[in-house]
PDB file of N, CA and C in Angstrom:
ATOM      1  N   MET A   1       0.881  -1.171  -0.024  1.00  0.00           N
ATOM      2  CA  MET A   1       0.008   0.010   0.008  1.00  0.00           C
ATOM      3  C   MET A   1       0.915   1.250   0.014  1.00  0.00           C
ATOM      4  N   GLU A   2       1.495   1.463  -1.074  1.00  0.00           N
ATOM      5  CA  GLU A   2       2.386   2.640  -1.159  1.00  0.00           C
ATOM      6  C   GLU A   2       1.648   3.764  -1.936  1.00  0.00           C
ATOM      7  N   ASN A   3       1.930   4.957  -1.507  1.00  0.00           N
ATOM      8  CA  ASN A   3       1.316   6.152  -2.098  1.00  0.00           C
ATOM      9  C   ASN A   3      -0.183   6.110  -2.252  1.00  0.00           C
ATOM     10  N   ILE A   4      -0.861   5.677  -1.218  1.00  0.00           N
ATOM     11  CA  ILE A   4      -2.276   5.630  -1.189  1.00  0.00           C
ATOM     12  C   ILE A   4      -2.787   7.061  -0.854  1.00  0.00           C
ATOM     13  N   PRO A   5      -3.622   7.574  -1.724  1.00  0.00           N
ATOM     14  CA  PRO A   5      -4.111   8.977  -1.390  1.00  0.00           C
ATOM     15  C   PRO A   5      -5.111   8.871  -0.224  1.00  0.00           C
ATOM     16  N   PRO A   6      -5.145   9.937   0.603  1.00  0.00           N
ATOM     17  CA  PRO A   6      -6.099   9.946   1.717  1.00  0.00           C
ATOM     18  C   PRO A   6      -7.499   9.936   1.191  1.00  0.00           C
ATOM     19  N   SER A   7      -8.380   9.156   1.849  1.00  0.00           N
ATOM     20  CA  SER A   7      -9.778   9.054   1.326  1.00  0.00           C
ATOM     21  C   SER A   7     -10.605  10.132   2.103  1.00  0.00           C
ATOM     22  N   LYS A   8     -11.586  10.645   1.368  1.00  0.00           N
ATOM     23  CA  LYS A   8     -12.525  11.603   2.022  1.00  0.00           C
ATOM     24  C   LYS A   8     -13.932  10.888   2.066  1.00  0.00           C
ATOM     25  N   ASP A   9     -13.867   9.611   2.251  1.00  0.00           N
ATOM     26  CA  ASP A   9     -15.053   8.856   2.331  1.00  0.00           C
ATOM     27  C   ASP A   9     -15.454   8.560   3.793  1.00  0.00           C
ATOM     28  N   VAL A  10     -16.751   8.167   3.993  1.00  0.00           N
ATOM     29  CA  VAL A  10     -17.152   7.873   5.370  1.00  0.00           C
ATOM     30  C   VAL A  10     -18.036   6.611   5.245  1.00  0.00           C
ATOM     31  N   LEU A  11     -17.946   5.785   6.273  1.00  0.00           N
ATOM     32  CA  LEU A  11     -18.832   4.626   6.427  1.00  0.00           C
ATOM     33  C   LEU A  11     -19.890   4.927   7.456  1.00  0.00           C
ATOM     34  N   LEU A  12     -21.119   4.955   7.036  1.00  0.00           N
ATOM     35  CA  LEU A  12     -22.208   5.132   7.982  1.00  0.00           C
ATOM     36  C   LEU A  12     -22.833   3.762   8.334  1.00  0.00           C
ATOM     37  N   MET A  13     -23.001   3.505   9.634  1.00  0.00           N
ATOM     38  CA  MET A  13     -23.642   2.311  10.140  1.00  0.00           C
ATOM     39  C   MET A  13     -24.943   2.840  10.767  1.00  0.00           C
ATOM     40  N   ALA A  14     -26.069   2.412  10.252  1.00  0.00           N
ATOM     41  CA  ALA A  14     -27.333   2.905  10.757  1.00  0.00           C
ATOM     42  C   ALA A  14     -28.138   1.778  11.288  1.00  0.00           C
ATOM     43  N   VAL A  15     -28.554   1.797  12.559  1.00  0.00           N
ATOM     44  CA  VAL A  15     -29.440   0.726  13.113  1.00  0.00           C
ATOM     45  C   VAL A  15     -30.828   1.339  13.168  1.00  0.00           C
ATOM     46  N   ILE A  16     -31.761   0.734  12.400  1.00  0.00           N
ATOM     47  CA  ILE A  16     -33.179   1.229  12.372  1.00  0.00           C
ATOM     48  C   ILE A  16     -34.118   0.118  12.538  1.00  0.00           C
ATOM     49  N   GLN A  17     -35.346   0.466  12.909  1.00  0.00           N
ATOM     50  CA  GLN A  17     -36.388  -0.550  13.134  1.00  0.00           C
ATOM     51  C   GLN A  17     -36.795  -1.219  11.839  1.00  0.00           C
ATOM     52  N   ALA A  18     -37.234  -2.418  11.940  1.00  0.00           N
ATOM     53  CA  ALA A  18     -37.658  -3.214  10.791  1.00  0.00           C
ATOM     54  C   ALA A  18     -38.839  -2.517  10.078  1.00  0.00           C
ATOM     55  N   GLN A  19     -39.668  -1.848  10.824  1.00  0.00           N
ATOM     56  CA  GLN A  19     -40.824  -1.146  10.106  1.00  0.00           C
ATOM     57  C   GLN A  19     -40.411  -0.037   9.243  1.00  0.00           C
ATOM     58  N   ASP A  20     -39.153   0.519   9.510  1.00  0.00           N
ATOM     59  CA  ASP A  20     -38.753   1.656   8.724  1.00  0.00           C
ATOM     60  C   ASP A  20     -37.764   1.382   7.618  1.00  0.00           C
ATOM     61  N   VAL A  21     -37.198   0.138   7.619  1.00  0.00           N
ATOM     62  CA  VAL A  21     -36.095  -0.130   6.801  1.00  0.00           C
ATOM     63  C   VAL A  21     -36.359  -0.052   5.311  1.00  0.00           C
ATOM     64  N   ASP A  22     -37.565  -0.578   4.888  1.00  0.00           N
ATOM     65  CA  ASP A  22     -37.895  -0.599   3.482  1.00  0.00           C
ATOM     66  C   ASP A  22     -37.996   0.791   2.889  1.00  0.00           C
ATOM     67  N   LEU A  23     -38.604   1.669   3.610  1.00  0.00           N
ATOM     68  CA  LEU A  23     -38.790   3.087   3.103  1.00  0.00           C
ATOM     69  C   LEU A  23     -37.417   3.764   3.099  1.00  0.00           C
ATOM     70  N   ALA A  24     -36.626   3.583   4.066  1.00  0.00           N
ATOM     71  CA  ALA A  24     -35.286   4.182   4.188  1.00  0.00           C
ATOM     72  C   ALA A  24     -34.396   3.674   3.033  1.00  0.00           C
ATOM     73  N   GLU A  25     -34.399   2.327   2.790  1.00  0.00           N
ATOM     74  CA  GLU A  25     -33.616   1.788   1.738  1.00  0.00           C
ATOM     75  C   GLU A  25     -34.103   2.253   0.392  1.00  0.00           C
ATOM     76  N   TYR A  26     -35.350   2.332   0.149  1.00  0.00           N
ATOM     77  CA  TYR A  26     -35.900   2.841  -1.118  1.00  0.00           C
ATOM     78  C   TYR A  26     -35.510   4.314  -1.331  1.00  0.00           C
ATOM     79  N   SER A  27     -35.586   5.091  -0.309  1.00  0.00           N
ATOM     80  CA  SER A  27     -35.199   6.502  -0.416  1.00  0.00           C
ATOM     81  C   SER A  27     -33.692   6.674  -0.750  1.00  0.00           C
ATOM     82  N   LEU A  28     -32.880   5.893  -0.155  1.00  0.00           N
ATOM     83  CA  LEU A  28     -31.404   5.936  -0.397  1.00  0.00           C
ATOM     84  C   LEU A  28     -31.073   5.454  -1.793  1.00  0.00           C
ATOM     85  N   GLU A  29     -31.763   4.372  -2.285  1.00  0.00           N
ATOM     86  CA  GLU A  29     -31.563   3.895  -3.547  1.00  0.00           C
ATOM     87  C   GLU A  29     -32.008   4.904  -4.660  1.00  0.00           C
ATOM     88  N   ASN A  30     -33.034   5.698  -4.364  1.00  0.00           N
ATOM     89  CA  ASN A  30     -33.452   6.759  -5.276  1.00  0.00           C
ATOM     90  C   ASN A  30     -32.390   7.857  -5.403  1.00  0.00           C
ATOM     91  N   MET A  31     -31.575   7.987  -4.411  1.00  0.00           N
ATOM     92  CA  MET A  31     -30.471   8.923  -4.429  1.00  0.00           C
ATOM     93  C   MET A  31     -29.209   8.335  -5.026  1.00  0.00           C
ATOM     94  N   ASP A  32     -29.341   7.095  -5.596  1.00  0.00           N
ATOM     95  CA  ASP A  32     -28.232   6.330  -6.163  1.00  0.00           C
ATOM     96  C   ASP A  32     -27.173   6.043  -5.132  1.00  0.00           C
ATOM     97  N   ILE A  33     -27.590   5.779  -3.868  1.00  0.00           N
ATOM     98  CA  ILE A  33     -26.698   5.342  -2.820  1.00  0.00           C
ATOM     99  C   ILE A  33     -26.861   3.905  -2.556  1.00  0.00           C
ATOM    100  N   HIS A  34     -25.805   3.202  -2.607  1.00  0.00           N
ATOM    101  CA  HIS A  34     -25.876   1.721  -2.469  1.00  0.00           C
ATOM    102  C   HIS A  34     -25.603   1.359  -1.018  1.00  0.00           C
ATOM    103  N   ILE A  35     -26.352   0.367  -0.529  1.00  0.00           N
ATOM    104  CA  ILE A  35     -26.213  -0.051   0.878  1.00  0.00           C
ATOM    105  C   ILE A  35     -26.065  -1.538   0.961  1.00  0.00           C
ATOM    106  N   SER A  36     -25.514  -1.975   2.070  1.00  0.00           N
ATOM    107  CA  SER A  36     -25.558  -3.377   2.494  1.00  0.00           C
ATOM    108  C   SER A  36     -26.419  -3.456   3.732  1.00  0.00           C
ATOM    109  N   ARG A  37     -27.252  -4.386   3.748  1.00  0.00           N
ATOM    110  CA  ARG A  37     -28.263  -4.515   4.883  1.00  0.00           C
ATOM    111  C   ARG A  37     -28.061  -5.864   5.606  1.00  0.00           C
ATOM    112  N   LEU A  38     -27.988  -5.746   6.861  1.00  0.00           N
ATOM    113  CA  LEU A  38     -27.923  -6.909   7.728  1.00  0.00           C
ATOM    114  C   LEU A  38     -29.129  -6.949   8.678  1.00  0.00           C
ATOM    115  N   ALA A  39     -29.713  -8.080   8.822  1.00  0.00           N
ATOM    116  CA  ALA A  39     -30.804  -8.225   9.838  1.00  0.00           C
ATOM    117  C   ALA A  39     -30.098  -8.296  11.176  1.00  0.00           C
ATOM    118  N   SER A  40     -30.709  -7.614  12.164  1.00  0.00           N
ATOM    119  CA  SER A  40     -30.160  -7.583  13.476  1.00  0.00           C
ATOM    120  C   SER A  40     -31.376  -7.487  14.513  1.00  0.00           C
ATOM    121  N   VAL A  41     -30.984  -7.666  15.770  1.00  0.00           N
ATOM    122  CA  VAL A  41     -32.011  -7.714  16.895  1.00  0.00           C
ATOM    123  C   VAL A  41     -31.513  -6.755  17.963  1.00  0.00           C
ATOM    124  N   GLY A  42     -32.433  -5.947  18.510  1.00  0.00           N
ATOM    125  CA  GLY A  42     -32.095  -5.013  19.595  1.00  0.00           C
ATOM    126  C   GLY A  42     -31.811  -5.872  20.868  1.00  0.00           C
ATOM    127  N   GLY A  43     -30.898  -5.328  21.654  1.00  0.00           N
ATOM    128  CA  GLY A  43     -30.515  -5.997  22.892  1.00  0.00           C
ATOM    129  C   GLY A  43     -31.524  -5.762  24.037  1.00  0.00           C
ATOM    130  N   PHE A  44     -32.121  -4.601  24.171  1.00  0.00           N
ATOM    131  CA  PHE A  44     -32.981  -4.260  25.317  1.00  0.00           C
ATOM    132  C   PHE A  44     -34.308  -4.985  25.234  1.00  0.00           C
ATOM    133  N   LEU A  45     -35.051  -4.806  24.049  1.00  0.00           N
ATOM    134  CA  LEU A  45     -36.336  -5.376  23.929  1.00  0.00           C
ATOM    135  C   LEU A  45     -36.396  -6.655  23.055  1.00  0.00           C
ATOM    136  N   GLY A  46     -35.256  -6.909  22.333  1.00  0.00           N
ATOM    137  CA  GLY A  46     -35.181  -8.073  21.475  1.00  0.00           C
ATOM    138  C   GLY A  46     -36.042  -7.914  20.244  1.00  0.00           C
ATOM    139  N   ARG A  47     -36.306  -6.648  19.854  1.00  0.00           N
ATOM    140  CA  ARG A  47     -37.136  -6.336  18.682  1.00  0.00           C
ATOM    141  C   ARG A  47     -36.210  -6.443  17.350  1.00  0.00           C
ATOM    142  N   ARG A  48     -36.841  -6.829  16.259  1.00  0.00           N
ATOM    143  CA  ARG A  48     -36.088  -6.918  14.990  1.00  0.00           C
ATOM    144  C   ARG A  48     -35.804  -5.512  14.507  1.00  0.00           C
ATOM    145  N   ASN A  49     -34.572  -5.435  13.974  1.00  0.00           N
ATOM    146  CA  ASN A  49     -34.239  -4.147  13.316  1.00  0.00           C
ATOM    147  C   ASN A  49     -33.244  -4.552  12.181  1.00  0.00           C
ATOM    148  N   ALA A  50     -32.661  -3.518  11.572  1.00  0.00           N
ATOM    149  CA  ALA A  50     -31.714  -3.741  10.477  1.00  0.00           C
ATOM    150  C   ALA A  50     -30.526  -2.838  10.651  1.00  0.00           C
ATOM    151  N   THR A  51     -29.368  -3.272  10.325  1.00  0.00           N
ATOM    152  CA  THR A  51     -28.212  -2.437  10.298  1.00  0.00           C
ATOM    153  C   THR A  51     -27.783  -2.251   8.886  1.00  0.00           C
ATOM    154  N   LEU A  52     -27.731  -0.950   8.501  1.00  0.00           N
ATOM    155  CA  LEU A  52     -27.400  -0.628   7.122  1.00  0.00           C
ATOM    156  C   LEU A  52     -25.902  -0.054   7.121  1.00  0.00           C
ATOM    157  N   PHE A  53     -25.137  -0.618   6.166  1.00  0.00           N
ATOM    158  CA  PHE A  53     -23.766  -0.017   5.968  1.00  0.00           C
ATOM    159  C   PHE A  53     -23.768   0.724   4.688  1.00  0.00           C
ATOM    160  N   ILE A  54     -23.306   1.945   4.782  1.00  0.00           N
ATOM    161  CA  ILE A  54     -23.406   2.862   3.696  1.00  0.00           C
ATOM    162  C   ILE A  54     -22.026   3.547   3.506  1.00  0.00           C
ATOM    163  N   GLY A  55     -21.376   3.261   2.393  1.00  0.00           N
ATOM    164  CA  GLY A  55     -20.072   3.953   2.082  1.00  0.00           C
ATOM    165  C   GLY A  55     -20.361   5.056   1.146  1.00  0.00           C
ATOM    166  N   ILE A  56     -20.048   6.307   1.585  1.00  0.00           N
ATOM    167  CA  ILE A  56     -20.310   7.457   0.737  1.00  0.00           C
ATOM    168  C   ILE A  56     -19.194   8.519   0.878  1.00  0.00           C
ATOM    169  N   PRO A  57     -19.127   9.458  -0.104  1.00  0.00           N
ATOM    170  CA  PRO A  57     -18.218  10.554   0.060  1.00  0.00           C
ATOM    171  C   PRO A  57     -18.744  11.409   1.267  1.00  0.00           C
ATOM    172  N   SER A  58     -17.826  12.015   1.991  1.00  0.00           N
ATOM    173  CA  SER A  58     -18.204  12.775   3.255  1.00  0.00           C
ATOM    174  C   SER A  58     -19.146  13.890   2.988  1.00  0.00           C
ATOM    175  N   GLU A  59     -19.140  14.476   1.776  1.00  0.00           N
ATOM    176  CA  GLU A  59     -20.025  15.585   1.515  1.00  0.00           C
ATOM    177  C   GLU A  59     -21.494  15.131   1.345  1.00  0.00           C
ATOM    178  N   LYS A  60     -21.764  13.847   1.212  1.00  0.00           N
ATOM    179  CA  LYS A  60     -23.159  13.313   1.116  1.00  0.00           C
ATOM    180  C   LYS A  60     -23.708  12.957   2.500  1.00  0.00           C
ATOM    181  N   GLN A  61     -22.894  13.043   3.543  1.00  0.00           N
ATOM    182  CA  GLN A  61     -23.320  12.557   4.876  1.00  0.00           C
ATOM    183  C   GLN A  61     -24.621  13.277   5.402  1.00  0.00           C
ATOM    184  N   GLU A  62     -24.538  14.535   5.291  1.00  0.00           N
ATOM    185  CA  GLU A  62     -25.796  15.303   5.782  1.00  0.00           C
ATOM    186  C   GLU A  62     -27.018  14.906   5.028  1.00  0.00           C
ATOM    187  N   GLU A  63     -26.937  14.704   3.712  1.00  0.00           N
ATOM    188  CA  GLU A  63     -28.040  14.317   2.878  1.00  0.00           C
ATOM    189  C   GLU A  63     -28.645  12.995   3.319  1.00  0.00           C
ATOM    190  N   VAL A  64     -27.764  12.056   3.597  1.00  0.00           N
ATOM    191  CA  VAL A  64     -28.178  10.694   4.034  1.00  0.00           C
ATOM    192  C   VAL A  64     -28.877  10.793   5.386  1.00  0.00           C
ATOM    193  N   ILE A  65     -28.281  11.556   6.342  1.00  0.00           N
ATOM    194  CA  ILE A  65     -28.886  11.712   7.601  1.00  0.00           C
ATOM    195  C   ILE A  65     -30.287  12.309   7.532  1.00  0.00           C
ATOM    196  N   LYS A  66     -30.484  13.250   6.623  1.00  0.00           N
ATOM    197  CA  LYS A  66     -31.807  13.821   6.467  1.00  0.00           C
ATOM    198  C   LYS A  66     -32.806  12.782   5.907  1.00  0.00           C
ATOM    199  N   ILE A  67     -32.369  11.822   5.100  1.00  0.00           N
ATOM    200  CA  ILE A  67     -33.217  10.773   4.688  1.00  0.00           C
ATOM    201  C   ILE A  67     -33.672   9.898   5.894  1.00  0.00           C
ATOM    202  N   PHE A  68     -32.688   9.606   6.779  1.00  0.00           N
ATOM    203  CA  PHE A  68     -33.100   8.874   7.907  1.00  0.00           C
ATOM    204  C   PHE A  68     -34.082   9.632   8.837  1.00  0.00           C
ATOM    205  N   GLN A  69     -33.861  10.959   8.958  1.00  0.00           N
ATOM    206  CA  GLN A  69     -34.786  11.814   9.732  1.00  0.00           C
ATOM    207  C   GLN A  69     -36.184  11.731   9.146  1.00  0.00           C
ATOM    208  N   LYS A  70     -36.290  11.623   7.843  1.00  0.00           N
ATOM    209  CA  LYS A  70     -37.652  11.615   7.243  1.00  0.00           C
ATOM    210  C   LYS A  70     -38.281  10.243   7.276  1.00  0.00           C
ATOM    211  N   THR A  71     -37.547   9.176   7.178  1.00  0.00           N
ATOM    212  CA  THR A  71     -38.101   7.840   7.026  1.00  0.00           C
ATOM    213  C   THR A  71     -38.082   7.002   8.303  1.00  0.00           C
ATOM    214  N   CYS A  72     -37.312   7.358   9.297  1.00  0.00           N
ATOM    215  CA  CYS A  72     -37.324   6.531  10.551  1.00  0.00           C
ATOM    216  C   CYS A  72     -37.908   7.355  11.707  1.00  0.00           C
ATOM    217  N   ARG A  73     -39.046   6.787  12.239  1.00  0.00           N
ATOM    218  CA  ARG A  73     -39.715   7.578  13.258  1.00  0.00           C
ATOM    219  C   ARG A  73     -39.696   6.828  14.595  1.00  0.00           C
ATOM    220  N   GLN A  74     -39.908   7.612  15.594  1.00  0.00           N
ATOM    221  CA  GLN A  74     -39.993   7.101  16.994  1.00  0.00           C
ATOM    222  C   GLN A  74     -41.430   6.568  17.213  1.00  0.00           C
ATOM    223  N   ARG A  75     -41.565   5.595  18.113  1.00  0.00           N
ATOM    224  CA  ARG A  75     -42.819   5.027  18.448  1.00  0.00           C
ATOM    225  C   ARG A  75     -42.822   4.748  20.005  1.00  0.00           C
ATOM    226  N   VAL A  76     -44.003   4.794  20.537  1.00  0.00           N
ATOM    227  CA  VAL A  76     -44.210   4.433  21.982  1.00  0.00           C
ATOM    228  C   VAL A  76     -44.753   3.025  22.027  1.00  0.00           C
ATOM    229  N   GLU A  77     -44.037   2.162  22.778  1.00  0.00           N
ATOM    230  CA  GLU A  77     -44.509   0.806  23.017  1.00  0.00           C
ATOM    231  C   GLU A  77     -44.516   0.574  24.473  1.00  0.00           C
ATOM    232  N   TYR A  78     -45.280  -0.438  24.886  1.00  0.00           N
ATOM    233  CA  TYR A  78     -45.432  -0.774  26.301  1.00  0.00           C
ATOM    234  C   TYR A  78     -44.811  -2.000  26.614  1.00  0.00           C
ATOM    235  N   ILE A  79     -44.114  -2.059  27.763  1.00  0.00           N
ATOM    236  CA  ILE A  79     -43.548  -3.303  28.261  1.00  0.00           C
ATOM    237  C   ILE A  79     -44.125  -3.625  29.622  1.00  0.00           C
ATOM    238  N   ALA A  80     -44.219  -4.865  29.957  1.00  0.00           N
ATOM    239  CA  ALA A  80     -44.814  -5.208  31.292  1.00  0.00           C
ATOM    240  C   ALA A  80     -43.731  -5.273  32.254  1.00  0.00           C
ATOM    241  N   VAL A  81     -43.934  -4.457  33.301  1.00  0.00           N
ATOM    242  CA  VAL A  81     -42.955  -4.374  34.455  1.00  0.00           C
ATOM    243  C   VAL A  81     -43.715  -4.737  35.674  1.00  0.00           C
ATOM    244  N   PRO A  82     -43.213  -5.762  36.461  1.00  0.00           N
ATOM    245  CA  PRO A  82     -43.974  -6.168  37.582  1.00  0.00           C
ATOM    246  C   PRO A  82     -43.978  -5.084  38.717  1.00  0.00           C
ATOM    247  N   LEU A  83     -45.091  -4.986  39.400  1.00  0.00           N
ATOM    248  CA  LEU A  83     -45.166  -4.016  40.503  1.00  0.00           C
ATOM    249  C   LEU A  83     -44.432  -4.569  41.661  1.00  0.00           C
ATOM    250  N   GLU A  84     -43.572  -3.766  42.291  1.00  0.00           N
ATOM    251  CA  GLU A  84     -42.741  -4.222  43.447  1.00  0.00           C
ATOM    252  C   GLU A  84     -43.557  -4.518  44.691  1.00  0.00           C
ATOM    253  N   SER A  85     -44.538  -3.768  45.037  1.00  0.00           N
ATOM    254  CA  SER A  85     -45.283  -3.990  46.280  1.00  0.00           C
ATOM    255  C   SER A  85     -46.563  -4.780  46.132  1.00  0.00           C
ATOM    256  N   ALA A  86     -46.783  -5.375  44.954  1.00  0.00           N
ATOM    257  CA  ALA A  86     -48.062  -6.154  44.779  1.00  0.00           C
ATOM    258  C   ALA A  86     -47.805  -7.534  45.354  1.00  0.00           C
ATOM    259  N   PRO A  87     -48.921  -8.120  46.016  1.00  0.00           N
ATOM    260  CA  PRO A  87     -48.742  -9.492  46.563  1.00  0.00           C
ATOM    261  C   PRO A  87     -48.686 -10.487  45.463  1.00  0.00           C
ATOM    262  N   LEU A  88     -49.255 -10.219  44.334  1.00  0.00           N
ATOM    263  CA  LEU A  88     -49.164 -11.158  43.174  1.00  0.00           C
ATOM    264  C   LEU A  88     -48.342 -10.412  42.128  1.00  0.00           C
ATOM    265  N   PRO A  89     -47.627 -11.185  41.235  1.00  0.00           N
ATOM    266  CA  PRO A  89     -46.817 -10.432  40.222  1.00  0.00           C
ATOM    267  C   PRO A  89     -47.699  -9.952  39.132  1.00  0.00           C
ATOM    268  N   LEU A  90     -48.274  -8.746  39.376  1.00  0.00           N
ATOM    269  CA  LEU A  90     -49.160  -8.080  38.359  1.00  0.00           C
ATOM    270  C   LEU A  90     -48.289  -7.187  37.539  1.00  0.00           C
ATOM    271  N   PRO A  91     -48.230  -7.402  36.213  1.00  0.00           N
ATOM    272  CA  PRO A  91     -47.393  -6.509  35.418  1.00  0.00           C
ATOM    273  C   PRO A  91     -48.149  -5.234  35.122  1.00  0.00           C
ATOM    274  N   ALA A  92     -47.365  -4.136  35.237  1.00  0.00           N
ATOM    275  CA  ALA A  92     -47.930  -2.794  34.876  1.00  0.00           C
ATOM    276  C   ALA A  92     -47.400  -2.403  33.525  1.00  0.00           C
ATOM    277  N   PRO A  93     -48.287  -1.910  32.603  1.00  0.00           N
ATOM    278  CA  PRO A  93     -47.747  -1.522  31.293  1.00  0.00           C
ATOM    279  C   PRO A  93     -47.004  -0.185  31.480  1.00  0.00           C
ATOM    280  N   THR A  94     -45.743  -0.205  31.048  1.00  0.00           N
ATOM    281  CA  THR A  94     -44.865   0.913  31.136  1.00  0.00           C
ATOM    282  C   THR A  94     -44.499   1.439  29.707  1.00  0.00           C
ATOM    283  N   PRO A  95     -44.812   2.712  29.380  1.00  0.00           N
ATOM    284  CA  PRO A  95     -44.518   3.223  28.081  1.00  0.00           C
ATOM    285  C   PRO A  95     -42.983   3.470  27.901  1.00  0.00           C
ATOM    286  N   ILE A  96     -42.430   3.067  26.739  1.00  0.00           N
ATOM    287  CA  ILE A  96     -41.049   3.443  26.400  1.00  0.00           C
ATOM    288  C   ILE A  96     -41.003   3.950  25.015  1.00  0.00           C
ATOM    289  N   THR A  97     -40.171   4.844  24.688  1.00  0.00           N
ATOM    290  CA  THR A  97     -39.967   5.316  23.348  1.00  0.00           C
ATOM    291  C   THR A  97     -38.858   4.578  22.662  1.00  0.00           C
ATOM    292  N   ILE A  98     -39.204   4.072  21.451  1.00  0.00           N
ATOM    293  CA  ILE A  98     -38.211   3.345  20.719  1.00  0.00           C
ATOM    294  C   ILE A  98     -38.238   3.905  19.265  1.00  0.00           C
ATOM    295  N   GLY A  99     -37.205   3.562  18.465  1.00  0.00           N
ATOM    296  CA  GLY A  99     -37.180   3.890  17.091  1.00  0.00           C
ATOM    297  C   GLY A  99     -36.250   5.012  16.734  1.00  0.00           C
ATOM    298  N   GLY A 100     -36.566   5.617  15.575  1.00  0.00           N
ATOM    299  CA  GLY A 100     -35.612   6.561  15.088  1.00  0.00           C
ATOM    300  C   GLY A 100     -34.481   5.839  14.403  1.00  0.00           C
ATOM    301  N   ALA A 101     -33.338   6.429  14.304  1.00  0.00           N
ATOM    302  CA  ALA A 101     -32.179   5.795  13.730  1.00  0.00           C
ATOM    303  C   ALA A 101     -30.984   6.081  14.631  1.00  0.00           C
ATOM    304  N   ASN A 102     -30.147   5.070  14.858  1.00  0.00           N
ATOM    305  CA  ASN A 102     -28.889   5.251  15.536  1.00  0.00           C
ATOM    306  C   ASN A 102     -27.797   5.207  14.471  1.00  0.00           C
ATOM    307  N   ILE A 103     -27.070   6.286  14.274  1.00  0.00           N
ATOM    308  CA  ILE A 103     -26.174   6.372  13.104  1.00  0.00           C
ATOM    309  C   ILE A 103     -24.749   6.537  13.690  1.00  0.00           C
ATOM    310  N   PHE A 104     -23.857   5.745  13.173  1.00  0.00           N
ATOM    311  CA  PHE A 104     -22.412   5.803  13.544  1.00  0.00           C
ATOM    312  C   PHE A 104     -21.692   6.142  12.263  1.00  0.00           C
ATOM    313  N   ALA A 105     -20.796   7.141  12.364  1.00  0.00           N
ATOM    314  CA  ALA A 105     -20.006   7.554  11.179  1.00  0.00           C
ATOM    315  C   ALA A 105     -18.540   7.280  11.460  1.00  0.00           C
ATOM    316  N   LEU A 106     -17.904   6.506  10.561  1.00  0.00           N
ATOM    317  CA  LEU A 106     -16.527   6.147  10.617  1.00  0.00           C
ATOM    318  C   LEU A 106     -15.759   6.744   9.435  1.00  0.00           C
ATOM    319  N   ASP A 107     -14.703   7.440   9.704  1.00  0.00           N
ATOM    320  CA  ASP A 107     -13.826   7.884   8.552  1.00  0.00           C
ATOM    321  C   ASP A 107     -13.177   6.739   7.899  1.00  0.00           C
ATOM    322  N   VAL A 108     -13.139   6.734   6.580  1.00  0.00           N
ATOM    323  CA  VAL A 108     -12.536   5.626   5.828  1.00  0.00           C
ATOM    324  C   VAL A 108     -11.078   6.082   5.387  1.00  0.00           C
ATOM    325  N   GLU A 109     -10.158   5.378   6.011  1.00  0.00           N
ATOM    326  CA  GLU A 109      -8.772   5.733   5.710  1.00  0.00           C
ATOM    327  C   GLU A 109      -8.302   5.204   4.327  1.00  0.00           C
ATOM    328  N   TYR A 110      -8.840   4.015   4.040  1.00  0.00           N
ATOM    329  CA  TYR A 110      -8.468   3.359   2.731  1.00  0.00           C
ATOM    330  C   TYR A 110      -9.594   2.509   2.213  1.00  0.00           C
ATOM    331  N   PHE A 111      -9.837   2.500   0.958  1.00  0.00           N
ATOM    332  CA  PHE A 111     -10.880   1.696   0.384  1.00  0.00           C
ATOM    333  C   PHE A 111     -10.374   1.194  -1.001  1.00  0.00           C
ATOM    334  N   GLU A 112     -10.619  -0.098  -1.224  1.00  0.00           N
ATOM    335  CA  GLU A 112     -10.252  -0.724  -2.447  1.00  0.00           C
ATOM    336  C   GLU A 112     -11.263  -1.702  -2.885  1.00  0.00           C
ATOM    337  N   GLU A 113     -11.777  -1.682  -4.037  1.00  0.00           N
ATOM    338  CA  GLU A 113     -12.699  -2.619  -4.572  1.00  0.00           C
ATOM    339  C   GLU A 113     -11.983  -3.594  -5.415  1.00  0.00           C
ATOM    340  N   VAL A 114     -11.978  -4.934  -5.089  1.00  0.00           N
ATOM    341  CA  VAL A 114     -11.214  -5.906  -5.821  1.00  0.00           C
ATOM    342  C   VAL A 114     -12.177  -6.632  -6.721  1.00  0.00           C
ATOM    343  N   MET A 115     -11.815  -6.720  -8.018  1.00  0.00           N
ATOM    344  CA  MET A 115     -12.656  -7.394  -8.922  1.00  0.00           C
ATOM    345  C   MET A 115     -12.089  -8.711  -9.354  1.00  0.00           C
TER     346      MET A 115
END
């Protein structure tokens, strides 16, 4: 790897809910942005989601984040939490906010496509 020019690319990893992934993917493909999609599961609630890997020039990063803001929404769901002082284990529905997109941006130091 001699004389490798510095890259101005970024790798975005976005974790989004399964309900939002198709619209987000469609919107990104309409912008001619190619993605790799992995099925994943959230750790806290065990809900299905997807992790998208998107390699783009750094100047497109804001545009991609705006797409996620438009296509990935937050939702309120209820989980059953047992009441501490109840004589019987009666679960109380507790609202939690889930969703949106969790986006991680990594600078790409080197990229090569091997054919």
